[in-house]
Amino acid sequence: MKRKEQMNSVEQELLKGREYIGVNRIEGPLIYVHKTHPVGFGELVEVHDRNGRTRLAQVLDTSDDVVVVQLFEGTDGLNLPSTRVKFMGESFTLPVSAGMLGRVMNGLGRTIDDAPLPKGEEIMSINGLPINPTSREYPRDFIQTGVSVLDGLTTLIQGQKLPIFSGNGLPHNRLAAQIANQATVPGREAETVIVFAAMGVKYDVARYFIDSFTASGVLNQVAFFLSLADDPSIERTITPRSALTLAEHLAFNKGYQVLVIMTDMTNYCESLREISTLRGEIPSRKGYPGYLYSNLAELYERSGKIVGRSGSITQLPILTMPNDDISHPIPDLTGYITEGQIVFDRQMHSQGIYPPINGLPSLSRLMKDGIGEGMTREDHPHLANQLFASYSHVKDVRNLASVIGEEELTTIDHQYLDFGTAFEKEFVNQKDNENRSIEETLDKGWKALEHLPPEELRRVSEQELETYYKG
């Protein structure tokens, strides 16, 4: 048995780098090669056209008869008889280093900012390595974004994966840039870095991100992976994996606190659907492949903390819900994998509120373990509960007023309406370059509650009322 294994390994080494001239079919970003030697799923491939241009590709499907290869750079200029396909005998890897911070790269990790990529400190597979569940450390440390509605009501915890559910035309890109500019782990500011992956974005959006990072002075702390809208759609499927590979190196080998922001995950999923259709796979919900859940989980589960390692990976994926439908497969499956969600509200946006985040359907499931005395402030848990409860009652009062008219409301109902307005205009609403500390956020929450009488504040303690309530 041992001799057979040794022979197989020798045979694989001999076959490594074998090249085939001519392909049987080219369809979109896929090429089909018949009667090859045994190749592995996900194996790296080099494709050469008749002019000598080399493109990277990856084995998408393999069998005894045919191997399906997906190209990351398009198939223009390729023809059936002269295309040469070279199987490299290894998975797609990325040379990573801390020197990639401050750089702009494409989805494959190649620089596009007119400067050479620094020498890699390590070469890592873009598919990552699964973290043993027993080695994971439970997330407990607070990340300050400087955005009150996030820090106060849906607190982001170090090592968490917390998606933002937005819609077309809503300012999720502004919020993404603001968080990248402002996010920090209190007490470990110098160790906090951003890995930003943009998939299928337009030129003006890409320019906005770069200008925003430059103007705020954080560009040297950001590694920017950029796949533009006119780049091959297949590149979008590799962009988040390249970004997360660098994040793993920075977090677990270098000890950084890494926040990974990925936008737009809907574009990523659309690319998966396009490839699935080309392969002739049986579609699942709304034409997406049946493996959409496991594919997204492969990305989202690469966040976390490892026992004995000082670094961490926190994920903030952003997705636009088609037709604002939160039950659409992409947000629906994302919600099953991640630890909460932040939900944009179109009506709040139309009222000029930024960021237009609706606190009621938004949720951070790990929030309770990262706030309170010694972490944010001792009144934070009770204050957040009170703001949720009071704002929920505001919605009921507004619905009632739309039926019977405001003049028929009671005095306490009018006070709740005043609180709702103050909460939205002073607590939720802020400028996109306004960086509020957690103390400022909590003080603004108490300021909004001053529109209500103390007997209505049943979720905070008497001592907290005496200390923070000025009504």
Protein backbone atom coordinates (compact mmCIF):
# COMPACT_ATOMS: atom_id res chain seq x y z
CA MET A 1 0.00 0.00 0.00
CA LYS A 2 2.82 2.38 0.94
CA ARG A 3 4.65 1.55 -2.31
CA LYS A 4 1.48 2.31 -4.30
CA GLU A 5 1.11 5.71 -2.61
CA GLN A 6 4.76 6.52 -3.38
CA MET A 7 4.22 5.60 -7.04
CA ASN A 8 1.12 7.82 -7.19
CA SER A 9 3.00 10.78 -5.73
CA VAL A 10 5.87 10.26 -8.22
CA GLU A 11 3.37 10.03 -11.08
CA GLN A 12 1.64 13.24 -9.95
CA GLU A 13 4.99 15.03 -9.81
CA LEU A 14 5.84 13.87 -13.34
CA LEU A 15 2.47 15.03 -14.65
CA LYS A 16 2.75 18.41 -12.93
CA GLY A 17 2.94 21.14 -15.55
CA ARG A 18 1.74 18.94 -18.43
CA GLU A 19 0.46 21.02 -21.33
CA TYR A 20 -2.27 20.22 -23.90
CA ILE A 21 -2.59 21.92 -27.29
CA GLY A 22 -6.13 22.48 -28.55
CA VAL A 23 -9.41 22.57 -26.67
CA ASN A 24 -12.78 21.08 -27.56
CA ARG A 25 -15.13 23.90 -26.66
CA ILE A 26 -15.10 27.55 -25.51
CA GLU A 27 -18.25 28.87 -23.89
CA GLY A 28 -18.25 32.22 -22.11
CA PRO A 29 -15.44 32.13 -19.51
CA LEU A 30 -15.28 28.31 -19.68
CA ILE A 31 -13.10 26.07 -21.83
CA TYR A 32 -13.49 22.29 -22.15
CA VAL A 33 -10.49 19.95 -22.54
CA HIS A 34 -11.04 16.25 -23.34
CA LYS A 35 -8.91 13.23 -22.43
CA THR A 36 -6.44 14.77 -20.01
CA HIS A 37 -4.47 13.11 -17.22
CA PRO A 38 -6.23 13.06 -13.80
CA VAL A 39 -6.41 16.66 -12.54
CA GLY A 40 -7.73 17.98 -9.25
CA PHE A 41 -10.71 20.21 -8.56
CA GLY A 42 -9.58 23.81 -8.07
CA GLU A 43 -6.19 23.17 -9.66
CA LEU A 44 -4.38 26.20 -11.05
CA VAL A 45 -4.18 26.39 -14.85
CA GLU A 46 -2.25 28.56 -17.29
CA VAL A 47 -3.95 29.21 -20.65
CA HIS A 48 -1.81 30.50 -23.55
CA ASP A 49 -3.24 31.91 -26.79
CA ARG A 50 -1.49 31.91 -30.18
CA ASN A 51 0.12 35.29 -29.45
CA GLY A 52 1.78 34.00 -26.28
CA ARG A 53 -0.48 35.84 -23.83
CA THR A 54 -0.84 33.93 -20.56
CA ARG A 55 -4.05 33.92 -18.50
CA LEU A 56 -4.74 32.31 -15.16
CA ALA A 57 -7.58 29.84 -14.78
CA GLN A 58 -8.88 27.22 -12.40
CA VAL A 59 -10.33 23.73 -12.77
CA LEU A 60 -14.05 24.01 -12.20
CA ASP A 61 -15.09 20.44 -12.93
CA THR A 62 -13.18 17.26 -13.66
CA SER A 63 -14.01 13.75 -14.87
CA ASP A 64 -12.43 10.91 -16.85
CA ASP A 65 -13.62 12.38 -20.15
CA VAL A 66 -13.56 16.16 -19.84
CA VAL A 67 -12.07 18.91 -17.67
CA VAL A 68 -13.90 22.25 -17.37
CA VAL A 69 -11.61 25.24 -16.80
CA GLN A 70 -12.80 28.72 -15.84
CA LEU A 71 -10.69 31.73 -16.88
CA PHE A 72 -10.39 34.77 -14.66
CA GLU A 73 -9.52 37.13 -17.51
CA GLY A 74 -11.97 36.32 -20.32
CA THR A 75 -11.63 34.15 -23.42
CA ASP A 76 -11.22 36.82 -26.10
CA GLY A 77 -8.52 35.90 -28.66
CA LEU A 78 -8.66 32.17 -27.92
CA ASN A 79 -9.45 29.60 -30.60
CA LEU A 80 -9.97 25.85 -30.46
CA PRO A 81 -6.90 24.43 -32.28
CA SER A 82 -4.08 26.69 -31.03
CA THR A 83 -5.02 27.33 -27.39
CA ARG A 84 -2.55 25.68 -25.02
CA VAL A 85 -3.69 24.58 -21.55
CA LYS A 86 -1.11 23.87 -18.86
CA PHE A 87 -2.20 22.17 -15.62
CA MET A 88 0.07 23.33 -12.80
CA GLY A 89 -0.65 20.53 -10.31
CA GLU A 90 -1.36 22.95 -7.43
CA SER A 91 -4.18 25.13 -6.15
CA PHE A 92 -4.46 28.87 -6.81
CA THR A 93 -2.16 30.67 -4.37
CA LEU A 94 -1.48 34.30 -3.49
CA PRO A 95 1.80 35.80 -2.25
CA VAL A 96 0.78 37.90 0.77
CA SER A 97 2.56 40.46 2.93
CA ALA A 98 1.84 43.43 5.18
CA GLY A 99 3.28 45.55 2.36
CA MET A 100 -0.02 45.08 0.49
CA LEU A 101 -1.59 47.61 2.88
CA GLY A 102 -1.94 50.93 1.10
CA ARG A 103 -2.10 49.24 -2.31
CA VAL A 104 -4.88 48.88 -4.91
CA MET A 105 -5.08 45.44 -6.54
CA ASN A 106 -7.40 43.61 -8.88
CA GLY A 107 -9.39 40.55 -7.85
CA LEU A 108 -6.41 38.26 -8.47
CA GLY A 109 -4.12 40.24 -6.17
CA ARG A 110 -2.17 41.98 -8.96
CA THR A 111 -1.43 45.68 -8.42
CA ILE A 112 -3.23 48.22 -10.59
CA ASP A 113 -1.80 51.35 -8.94
CA ASP A 114 1.28 51.65 -11.19
CA ALA A 115 3.69 50.32 -8.57
CA PRO A 116 5.20 46.86 -8.16
CA LEU A 117 3.71 44.50 -5.60
CA PRO A 118 5.97 44.00 -2.57
CA LYS A 119 7.67 40.64 -2.18
CA GLY A 120 5.37 38.10 -0.56
CA GLU A 121 6.18 37.07 3.00
CA GLU A 122 4.23 33.86 2.51
CA ILE A 123 2.39 32.05 -0.27
CA MET A 124 -1.11 30.97 0.77
CA SER A 125 -3.97 29.12 -0.92
CA ILE A 126 -6.86 31.45 -1.67
CA ASN A 127 -9.28 28.79 -0.43
CA GLY A 128 -7.97 29.15 3.12
CA LEU A 129 -7.83 26.51 5.80
CA PRO A 130 -10.84 25.63 7.95
CA ILE A 131 -10.51 26.68 11.58
CA ASN A 132 -11.03 23.87 14.08
CA PRO A 133 -14.18 24.84 16.04
CA THR A 134 -12.45 23.95 19.32
CA SER A 135 -9.68 26.43 18.47
CA ARG A 136 -12.05 29.34 17.98
CA GLU A 137 -12.16 32.01 20.66
CA TYR A 138 -15.59 33.48 21.44
CA PRO A 139 -15.84 37.11 20.18
CA ARG A 140 -16.19 39.64 23.00
CA ASP A 141 -14.27 42.83 22.12
CA PHE A 142 -16.06 45.96 20.88
CA ILE A 143 -15.18 47.61 17.55
CA GLN A 144 -15.97 51.32 17.38
CA THR A 145 -17.18 52.46 13.96
CA GLY A 146 -17.99 56.04 14.97
CA VAL A 147 -21.55 55.56 13.65
CA SER A 148 -24.05 55.95 16.49
CA VAL A 149 -26.82 53.67 15.22
CA LEU A 150 -24.25 50.88 14.81
CA ASP A 151 -22.21 51.38 17.97
CA GLY A 152 -25.26 52.04 20.13
CA LEU A 153 -27.87 49.56 18.86
CA THR A 154 -26.18 46.93 16.63
CA THR A 155 -22.69 46.84 18.10
CA LEU A 156 -19.98 45.21 15.98
CA ILE A 157 -17.87 42.71 17.92
CA GLN A 158 -14.32 41.66 17.07
CA GLY A 159 -14.40 38.37 15.12
CA GLN A 160 -18.08 38.75 14.16
CA LYS A 161 -19.65 38.57 10.71
CA LEU A 162 -22.37 41.22 10.47
CA PRO A 163 -23.89 41.91 7.02
CA ILE A 164 -25.50 45.13 5.79
CA PHE A 165 -28.74 44.64 3.81
CA SER A 166 -29.22 47.59 1.48
CA GLY A 167 -30.98 48.34 -1.80
CA ASN A 168 -30.26 49.97 -5.13
CA GLY A 169 -29.80 53.73 -4.80
CA LEU A 170 -29.23 53.65 -1.03
CA PRO A 171 -25.99 55.06 0.44
CA HIS A 172 -24.32 51.78 1.44
CA ASN A 173 -21.11 52.81 -0.34
CA ARG A 174 -20.93 56.00 1.72
CA LEU A 175 -21.35 53.97 4.89
CA ALA A 176 -18.75 51.41 3.77
CA ALA A 177 -16.20 54.17 3.17
CA GLN A 178 -17.06 55.85 6.47
CA ILE A 179 -16.60 52.65 8.45
CA ALA A 180 -13.31 51.93 6.67
CA ASN A 181 -12.12 55.44 7.56
CA GLN A 182 -13.23 55.36 11.20
CA ALA A 183 -13.33 51.78 12.50
CA THR A 184 -10.93 50.95 15.31
CA VAL A 185 -10.49 48.61 18.25
CA PRO A 186 -10.26 50.91 21.31
CA GLY A 187 -6.81 50.67 22.85
CA ARG A 188 -5.42 48.85 19.80
CA GLU A 189 -5.77 51.56 17.17
CA ALA A 190 -2.33 50.97 15.66
CA GLU A 191 -3.16 47.29 15.07
CA THR A 192 -6.47 47.94 13.29
CA VAL A 193 -6.36 47.55 9.49
CA ILE A 194 -8.96 47.27 6.72
CA VAL A 195 -9.12 44.78 3.86
CA PHE A 196 -11.65 46.14 1.36
CA ALA A 197 -13.05 44.02 -1.49
CA ALA A 198 -15.22 45.72 -4.14
CA MET A 199 -16.89 43.45 -6.71
CA GLY A 200 -18.59 44.59 -9.88
CA VAL A 201 -18.50 48.29 -8.96
CA LYS A 202 -18.55 51.15 -11.46
CA TYR A 203 -15.58 53.43 -12.11
CA ASP A 204 -17.07 56.37 -10.22
CA VAL A 205 -17.72 54.21 -7.14
CA ALA A 206 -14.15 52.86 -7.22
CA ARG A 207 -12.81 56.40 -7.55
CA TYR A 208 -15.01 57.50 -4.62
CA PHE A 209 -13.54 54.80 -2.37
CA ILE A 210 -9.94 55.60 -3.30
CA ASP A 211 -10.46 59.37 -2.89
CA SER A 212 -12.22 58.83 0.44
CA PHE A 213 -9.40 56.68 1.84
CA THR A 214 -6.80 59.16 0.60
CA ALA A 215 -8.56 62.24 1.96
CA SER A 216 -9.05 60.70 5.40
CA GLY A 217 -5.45 59.55 5.59
CA VAL A 218 -6.21 55.87 6.14
CA LEU A 219 -5.12 54.56 2.74
CA ASN A 220 -1.90 53.13 4.21
CA GLN A 221 -4.06 51.00 6.53
CA VAL A 222 -6.29 49.69 3.72
CA ALA A 223 -5.62 46.87 1.25
CA PHE A 224 -8.05 47.47 -1.62
CA PHE A 225 -9.06 44.58 -3.92
CA LEU A 226 -11.00 46.00 -6.86
CA SER A 227 -12.99 44.15 -9.54
CA LEU A 228 -14.70 46.67 -11.80
CA ALA A 229 -18.06 46.24 -13.53
CA ASP A 230 -16.44 45.76 -16.94
CA ASP A 231 -13.90 43.22 -15.70
CA PRO A 232 -14.69 39.56 -16.45
CA SER A 233 -17.50 38.54 -14.14
CA ILE A 234 -15.61 35.38 -13.26
CA GLU A 235 -13.04 37.57 -11.47
CA ARG A 236 -15.70 38.51 -8.92
CA THR A 237 -15.76 34.95 -7.65
CA ILE A 238 -12.07 35.11 -6.75
CA THR A 239 -11.96 38.69 -5.34
CA PRO A 240 -13.35 37.97 -1.84
CA ARG A 241 -11.14 34.89 -1.55
CA SER A 242 -8.02 36.91 -2.38
CA ALA A 243 -9.04 39.54 0.18
CA LEU A 244 -9.72 36.98 2.91
CA THR A 245 -6.41 35.23 2.22
CA LEU A 246 -4.53 38.46 2.91
CA ALA A 247 -6.75 39.04 5.97
CA GLU A 248 -5.82 35.63 7.38
CA HIS A 249 -2.11 36.40 6.97
CA LEU A 250 -2.43 39.82 8.62
CA ALA A 251 -4.58 38.51 11.49
CA PHE A 252 -3.13 35.13 12.34
CA ASN A 253 0.50 35.57 11.28
CA LYS A 254 1.02 39.29 11.95
CA GLY A 255 -1.37 39.92 14.87
CA TYR A 256 -3.49 42.66 13.25
CA GLN A 257 -7.14 43.33 14.06
CA VAL A 258 -8.56 43.07 10.53
CA LEU A 259 -11.94 44.37 9.41
CA VAL A 260 -12.93 42.92 6.03
CA ILE A 261 -15.55 44.96 4.13
CA MET A 262 -16.98 43.27 1.02
CA THR A 263 -19.32 45.01 -1.40
CA ASP A 264 -21.43 44.03 -3.27
CA MET A 265 -22.06 40.37 -2.42
CA THR A 266 -25.06 40.40 -4.77
CA ASN A 267 -22.67 40.88 -7.70
CA TYR A 268 -20.65 37.92 -6.43
CA CYS A 269 -23.75 35.72 -6.31
CA GLU A 270 -24.83 36.83 -9.78
CA SER A 271 -21.48 35.61 -11.11
CA LEU A 272 -22.06 32.24 -9.46
CA ARG A 273 -25.46 32.05 -11.14
CA GLU A 274 -23.94 32.94 -14.52
CA ILE A 275 -21.32 30.18 -14.25
CA SER A 276 -23.90 27.67 -13.05
CA THR A 277 -26.10 28.43 -16.07
CA LEU A 278 -23.18 28.00 -18.48
CA ARG A 279 -22.42 24.63 -16.94
CA GLY A 280 -26.01 23.53 -17.43
CA GLU A 281 -26.60 22.86 -13.73
CA ILE A 282 -30.11 22.40 -12.41
CA PRO A 283 -31.08 25.78 -10.89
CA SER A 284 -32.43 26.29 -7.40
CA ARG A 285 -34.37 29.32 -6.07
CA LYS A 286 -34.53 32.17 -8.61
CA GLY A 287 -31.96 30.45 -10.82
CA TYR A 288 -29.14 30.44 -8.25
CA PRO A 289 -27.12 27.23 -7.86
CA GLY A 290 -28.10 24.80 -5.14
CA TYR A 291 -24.67 25.23 -3.52
CA LEU A 292 -25.13 28.99 -2.95
CA TYR A 293 -25.48 28.47 0.81
CA SER A 294 -22.30 26.42 1.18
CA ASN A 295 -20.41 28.76 -1.15
CA LEU A 296 -21.31 31.82 0.93
CA ALA A 297 -20.52 29.91 4.13
CA GLU A 298 -17.00 29.21 2.80
CA LEU A 299 -16.45 32.99 2.77
CA TYR A 300 -18.28 34.07 5.90
CA GLU A 301 -16.81 31.36 8.11
CA ARG A 302 -13.28 32.63 7.47
CA SER A 303 -13.85 35.29 10.13
CA GLY A 304 -13.17 34.86 13.83
CA LYS A 305 -10.48 34.64 16.50
CA ILE A 306 -8.15 31.72 17.27
CA VAL A 307 -7.07 30.77 20.76
CA GLY A 308 -3.44 31.75 21.29
CA ARG A 309 -3.38 34.24 18.38
CA SER A 310 -3.60 37.96 19.07
CA GLY A 311 -5.18 38.91 15.71
CA SER A 312 -8.77 38.65 14.52
CA ILE A 313 -10.89 38.85 11.36
CA THR A 314 -14.21 40.69 11.47
CA GLN A 315 -16.43 40.69 8.39
CA LEU A 316 -18.87 43.37 7.23
CA PRO A 317 -20.32 42.08 3.93
CA ILE A 318 -22.68 44.45 2.09
CA LEU A 319 -25.39 43.24 -0.26
CA THR A 320 -28.13 44.99 -2.21
CA MET A 321 -31.47 43.23 -1.92
CA PRO A 322 -33.18 42.92 -5.35
CA ASN A 323 -36.48 44.88 -5.15
CA ASP A 324 -35.73 45.48 -1.42
CA ASP A 325 -36.85 41.89 -0.82
CA ILE A 326 -35.30 40.62 2.42
CA SER A 327 -36.63 37.13 1.66
CA HIS A 328 -34.60 36.97 -1.57
CA PRO A 329 -32.18 33.98 -1.56
CA ILE A 330 -29.04 36.10 -1.09
CA PRO A 331 -30.06 37.99 2.11
CA ASP A 332 -32.08 34.99 3.29
CA LEU A 333 -29.13 32.57 3.16
CA THR A 334 -26.72 35.22 4.43
CA GLY A 335 -28.90 35.70 7.49
CA TYR A 336 -28.66 32.01 8.32
CA ILE A 337 -24.85 32.04 8.25
CA THR A 338 -24.03 35.37 9.90
CA GLU A 339 -24.60 36.76 13.39
CA GLY A 340 -27.26 39.38 12.73
CA GLN A 341 -27.95 42.01 10.10
CA ILE A 342 -28.03 45.79 9.58
CA VAL A 343 -31.05 46.82 7.48
CA PHE A 344 -31.31 49.99 5.39
CA ASP A 345 -34.71 51.73 5.18
CA ARG A 346 -35.76 53.48 1.96
CA GLN A 347 -38.32 55.68 3.71
CA MET A 348 -35.70 57.02 6.14
CA HIS A 349 -33.44 57.73 3.17
CA SER A 350 -36.22 59.72 1.49
CA GLN A 351 -36.48 61.84 4.67
CA GLY A 352 -32.81 62.80 4.36
CA ILE A 353 -31.60 60.65 7.27
CA TYR A 354 -28.07 59.26 6.95
CA PRO A 355 -27.29 56.47 7.51
CA PRO A 356 -30.87 55.28 6.86
CA ILE A 357 -30.60 52.26 9.16
CA ASN A 358 -33.82 50.93 10.66
CA GLY A 359 -32.92 49.83 14.17
CA LEU A 360 -35.95 47.57 14.68
CA PRO A 361 -35.22 44.81 12.11
CA SER A 362 -31.47 45.25 12.63
CA LEU A 363 -29.74 42.93 15.07
CA SER A 364 -26.28 42.06 16.38
CA ARG A 365 -26.48 38.67 18.06
CA LEU A 366 -23.07 39.02 19.74
CA MET A 367 -23.71 42.56 21.00
CA LYS A 368 -24.66 41.51 24.54
CA ASP A 369 -21.26 39.92 25.11
CA GLY A 370 -19.21 42.96 24.05
CA ILE A 371 -20.90 45.90 25.77
CA GLY A 372 -21.31 47.10 29.34
CA GLU A 373 -18.97 47.97 32.17
CA GLY A 374 -15.30 47.58 31.30
CA MET A 375 -16.07 47.31 27.57
CA THR A 376 -18.19 50.30 26.49
CA ARG A 377 -20.07 51.86 29.43
CA GLU A 378 -22.12 50.34 32.24
CA ASP A 379 -25.42 51.88 31.03
CA HIS A 380 -25.07 50.67 27.42
CA PRO A 381 -27.09 47.40 27.65
CA HIS A 382 -30.08 48.97 29.43
CA LEU A 383 -29.98 52.12 27.29
CA ALA A 384 -30.01 50.09 24.06
CA ASN A 385 -32.98 48.05 25.29
CA GLN A 386 -34.83 51.24 26.23
CA LEU A 387 -34.18 52.88 22.87
CA PHE A 388 -35.42 49.77 21.03
CA ALA A 389 -38.57 49.56 23.15
CA SER A 390 -39.39 53.27 22.94
CA TYR A 391 -38.77 53.49 19.19
CA SER A 392 -40.93 50.41 18.64
CA HIS A 393 -43.78 52.23 20.42
CA VAL A 394 -43.16 55.28 18.19
CA LYS A 395 -44.00 53.12 15.16
CA ASP A 396 -47.30 52.08 16.79
CA VAL A 397 -48.19 55.70 17.59
CA ARG A 398 -47.40 56.83 14.03
CA ASN A 399 -49.63 54.09 12.64
CA LEU A 400 -52.41 55.16 14.99
CA ALA A 401 -51.99 58.83 14.01
CA SER A 402 -52.32 57.93 10.35
CA VAL A 403 -55.76 56.47 11.12
CA ILE A 404 -57.30 58.86 13.67
CA GLY A 405 -55.15 61.97 13.14
CA GLU A 406 -52.55 63.51 15.45
CA GLU A 407 -55.08 65.80 17.12
CA GLU A 408 -56.76 62.74 18.68
CA LEU A 409 -53.57 61.45 20.27
CA THR A 410 -52.93 61.64 24.01
CA THR A 411 -50.23 63.77 25.61
CA ILE A 412 -47.94 60.77 26.10
CA ASP A 413 -48.46 59.80 22.45
CA HIS A 414 -47.25 63.24 21.37
CA GLN A 415 -44.22 62.85 23.62
CA TYR A 416 -43.40 59.58 21.89
CA LEU A 417 -43.67 61.32 18.51
CA ASP A 418 -41.25 63.97 19.72
CA PHE A 419 -38.88 61.25 20.93
CA GLY A 420 -39.09 59.46 17.54
CA THR A 421 -38.18 62.64 15.68
CA ALA A 422 -35.29 63.42 18.03
CA PHE A 423 -34.05 59.83 17.86
CA GLU A 424 -33.97 59.84 14.05
CA LYS A 425 -32.66 63.38 13.55
CA GLU A 426 -30.09 63.54 16.37
CA PHE A 427 -29.10 59.96 17.24
CA VAL A 428 -29.36 58.06 13.93
CA ASN A 429 -28.62 60.96 11.60
CA GLN A 430 -25.03 62.16 11.32
CA LYS A 431 -22.56 63.36 8.69
CA ASP A 432 -20.60 60.82 6.66
CA ASN A 433 -17.34 62.21 8.05
CA GLU A 434 -18.55 62.51 11.65
CA ASN A 435 -16.71 60.14 13.98
CA ARG A 436 -18.54 59.82 17.31
CA SER A 437 -16.97 58.13 20.31
CA ILE A 438 -19.04 55.55 22.17
CA GLU A 439 -19.53 58.05 25.01
CA GLU A 440 -20.94 60.64 22.58
CA THR A 441 -23.25 58.00 21.09
CA LEU A 442 -24.64 56.93 24.46
CA ASP A 443 -25.07 60.56 25.60
CA LYS A 444 -27.09 61.29 22.44
CA GLY A 445 -29.28 58.28 23.25
CA TRP A 446 -30.04 59.69 26.71
CA LYS A 447 -30.65 63.12 25.16
CA ALA A 448 -33.35 61.64 22.90
CA LEU A 449 -34.98 59.89 25.88
CA GLU A 450 -35.39 63.25 27.63
CA HIS A 451 -38.51 63.76 25.46
CA LEU A 452 -40.18 61.02 27.51
CA PRO A 453 -41.17 61.21 31.20
CA PRO A 454 -39.04 59.05 33.56
CA GLU A 455 -41.98 56.76 34.38
CA GLU A 456 -41.92 55.56 30.75
CA LEU A 457 -38.27 54.48 31.02
CA ARG A 458 -38.79 51.07 32.61
CA ARG A 459 -35.76 49.30 31.11
CA VAL A 460 -33.08 51.42 32.77
CA SER A 461 -32.19 51.38 36.46
CA GLU A 462 -32.92 54.13 38.99
CA GLN A 463 -29.21 54.76 39.40
CA GLU A 464 -28.78 55.16 35.61
CA LEU A 465 -31.69 57.61 35.54
CA GLU A 466 -30.11 59.68 38.30
CA THR A 467 -26.73 59.70 36.55
CA TYR A 468 -27.62 60.23 32.87
CA TYR A 469 -31.25 61.40 32.56
CA LYS A 470 -31.54 65.20 32.50
CA GLY A 471 -35.24 65.52 31.62
